[in-house]
């Protein structure tokens, strides 16, 4: 097998590590609820700020003592937070 073909095969077998943990915050009528997509984390708060703080703490505790690579994450991943809201019809 040519040398360059061997390199291509090896490169394809290396899993891509995610640099960002993605989370969604949605309001359920009483609380702001947040959940992550890459790891099993769910939390809530009475305000968006409280929910974000709870989310950061929950992620930190979830990954404590664990190699983030087990979840396909780099050593110090960032956090991308998306917010779900209802669309209000435009007034004409």
C-alpha atoms as a PDB file:
ATOM      1  CA  UNK A   1       0.000   0.000   0.000  1.00  0.00           C
ATOM      2  CA  UNK A   2       1.465   3.387  -0.918  1.00  0.00           C
ATOM      3  CA  UNK A   3       2.509   5.571   2.017  1.00  0.00           C
ATOM      4  CA  UNK A   4       0.080   8.428   1.213  1.00  0.00           C
ATOM      5  CA  UNK A   5      -2.881   6.022   1.115  1.00  0.00           C
ATOM      6  CA  UNK A   6      -2.006   4.771   4.608  1.00  0.00           C
ATOM      7  CA  UNK A   7      -1.998   8.346   5.930  1.00  0.00           C
ATOM      8  CA  UNK A   8      -5.440   9.014   4.486  1.00  0.00           C
ATOM      9  CA  UNK A   9      -6.887   5.894   6.118  1.00  0.00           C
ATOM     10  CA  UNK A  10      -5.431   6.845   9.508  1.00  0.00           C
ATOM     11  CA  UNK A  11      -6.715  10.427   9.230  1.00  0.00           C
ATOM     12  CA  UNK A  12     -10.244   9.221   8.482  1.00  0.00           C
ATOM     13  CA  UNK A  13     -10.332   7.036  11.597  1.00  0.00           C
ATOM     14  CA  UNK A  14      -9.519   9.865  14.044  1.00  0.00           C
ATOM     15  CA  UNK A  15     -12.763  11.162  15.610  1.00  0.00           C
ATOM     16  CA  UNK A  16     -13.396  14.888  15.389  1.00  0.00           C
ATOM     17  CA  UNK A  17     -13.364  16.539  18.786  1.00  0.00           C
ATOM     18  CA  UNK A  18     -16.039  19.176  19.389  1.00  0.00           C
ATOM     19  CA  UNK A  19     -14.830  22.549  20.680  1.00  0.00           C
ATOM     20  CA  UNK A  20     -18.266  23.721  21.790  1.00  0.00           C
ATOM     21  CA  UNK A  21     -21.011  22.340  24.019  1.00  0.00           C
ATOM     22  CA  UNK A  22     -24.371  23.447  22.629  1.00  0.00           C
ATOM     23  CA  UNK A  23     -27.308  24.163  24.927  1.00  0.00           C
ATOM     24  CA  UNK A  24     -30.881  25.306  24.436  1.00  0.00           C
ATOM     25  CA  UNK A  25     -32.843  27.490  26.861  1.00  0.00           C
ATOM     26  CA  UNK A  26     -36.639  27.607  26.629  1.00  0.00           C
ATOM     27  CA  UNK A  27     -39.262  29.170  28.883  1.00  0.00           C
ATOM     28  CA  UNK A  28     -41.913  26.705  30.103  1.00  0.00           C
ATOM     29  CA  UNK A  29     -44.256  29.333  31.545  1.00  0.00           C
ATOM     30  CA  UNK A  30     -42.711  29.272  35.002  1.00  0.00           C
ATOM     31  CA  UNK A  31     -38.972  28.553  34.617  1.00  0.00           C
ATOM     32  CA  UNK A  32     -36.244  28.901  32.029  1.00  0.00           C
ATOM     33  CA  UNK A  33     -35.092  25.353  31.266  1.00  0.00           C
ATOM     34  CA  UNK A  34     -31.708  24.527  29.749  1.00  0.00           C
ATOM     35  CA  UNK A  35     -30.461  21.287  28.249  1.00  0.00           C
ATOM     36  CA  UNK A  36     -27.240  20.323  26.507  1.00  0.00           C
ATOM     37  CA  UNK A  37     -27.030  18.345  23.295  1.00  0.00           C
ATOM     38  CA  UNK A  38     -23.594  16.713  23.689  1.00  0.00           C
ATOM     39  CA  UNK A  39     -23.824  15.723  27.345  1.00  0.00           C
ATOM     40  CA  UNK A  40     -26.680  14.715  29.627  1.00  0.00           C
ATOM     41  CA  UNK A  41     -27.189  17.999  31.500  1.00  0.00           C
ATOM     42  CA  UNK A  42     -30.502  19.689  32.314  1.00  0.00           C
ATOM     43  CA  UNK A  43     -31.107  22.600  34.676  1.00  0.00           C
ATOM     44  CA  UNK A  44     -33.489  25.492  35.209  1.00  0.00           C
ATOM     45  CA  UNK A  45     -33.793  28.903  36.829  1.00  0.00           C
ATOM     46  CA  UNK A  46     -36.254  31.713  37.459  1.00  0.00           C
ATOM     47  CA  UNK A  47     -34.309  34.138  35.231  1.00  0.00           C
ATOM     48  CA  UNK A  48     -32.131  33.711  32.154  1.00  0.00           C
ATOM     49  CA  UNK A  49     -29.054  34.821  34.118  1.00  0.00           C
ATOM     50  CA  UNK A  50     -29.760  32.300  36.883  1.00  0.00           C
ATOM     51  CA  UNK A  51     -30.306  29.560  34.301  1.00  0.00           C
ATOM     52  CA  UNK A  52     -27.025  30.324  32.533  1.00  0.00           C
ATOM     53  CA  UNK A  53     -25.153  30.281  35.852  1.00  0.00           C
ATOM     54  CA  UNK A  54     -26.830  26.980  36.803  1.00  0.00           C
ATOM     55  CA  UNK A  55     -25.988  25.560  33.375  1.00  0.00           C
ATOM     56  CA  UNK A  56     -22.290  26.444  33.686  1.00  0.00           C
ATOM     57  CA  UNK A  57     -22.172  24.906  37.170  1.00  0.00           C
ATOM     58  CA  UNK A  58     -24.005  21.739  36.052  1.00  0.00           C
ATOM     59  CA  UNK A  59     -21.657  21.261  33.075  1.00  0.00           C
ATOM     60  CA  UNK A  60     -18.595  21.773  35.278  1.00  0.00           C
ATOM     61  CA  UNK A  61     -19.864  19.251  37.831  1.00  0.00           C
ATOM     62  CA  UNK A  62     -20.842  16.764  35.106  1.00  0.00           C
ATOM     63  CA  UNK A  63     -17.361  16.853  33.551  1.00  0.00           C
ATOM     64  CA  UNK A  64     -15.487  16.908  36.877  1.00  0.00           C
ATOM     65  CA  UNK A  65     -12.985  14.064  37.036  1.00  0.00           C
ATOM     66  CA  UNK A  66     -13.910  12.854  33.545  1.00  0.00           C
ATOM     67  CA  UNK A  67     -11.879  13.144  30.361  1.00  0.00           C
ATOM     68  CA  UNK A  68     -14.035  15.341  28.062  1.00  0.00           C
ATOM     69  CA  UNK A  69     -12.786  13.220  25.157  1.00  0.00           C
ATOM     70  CA  UNK A  70     -15.168  10.512  26.406  1.00  0.00           C
ATOM     71  CA  UNK A  71     -17.937  12.808  25.100  1.00  0.00           C
ATOM     72  CA  UNK A  72     -16.021  13.769  21.967  1.00  0.00           C
ATOM     73  CA  UNK A  73     -15.044  17.152  23.458  1.00  0.00           C
ATOM     74  CA  UNK A  74     -11.727  18.987  23.593  1.00  0.00           C
ATOM     75  CA  UNK A  75     -10.133  19.560  27.014  1.00  0.00           C
ATOM     76  CA  UNK A  76     -11.678  23.021  27.650  1.00  0.00           C
ATOM     77  CA  UNK A  77     -14.799  23.312  25.468  1.00  0.00           C
ATOM     78  CA  UNK A  78     -16.730  26.536  25.044  1.00  0.00           C
ATOM     79  CA  UNK A  79     -20.469  26.921  25.554  1.00  0.00           C
ATOM     80  CA  UNK A  80     -22.927  28.026  22.861  1.00  0.00           C
ATOM     81  CA  UNK A  81     -26.355  28.887  24.268  1.00  0.00           C
ATOM     82  CA  UNK A  82     -29.402  29.116  22.023  1.00  0.00           C
ATOM     83  CA  UNK A  83     -32.717  30.557  23.180  1.00  0.00           C
ATOM     84  CA  UNK A  84     -36.123  29.306  22.066  1.00  0.00           C
ATOM     85  CA  UNK A  85     -38.999  31.768  22.050  1.00  0.00           C
ATOM     86  CA  UNK A  86     -42.466  32.125  20.582  1.00  0.00           C
ATOM     87  CA  UNK A  87     -42.871  34.311  17.514  1.00  0.00           C
ATOM     88  CA  UNK A  88     -45.392  37.088  17.922  1.00  0.00           C
ATOM     89  CA  UNK A  89     -47.269  38.151  14.777  1.00  0.00           C
ATOM     90  CA  UNK A  90     -46.226  41.541  13.444  1.00  0.00           C
ATOM     91  CA  UNK A  91     -48.787  44.299  13.894  1.00  0.00           C
ATOM     92  CA  UNK A  92     -49.726  45.991  10.645  1.00  0.00           C
END
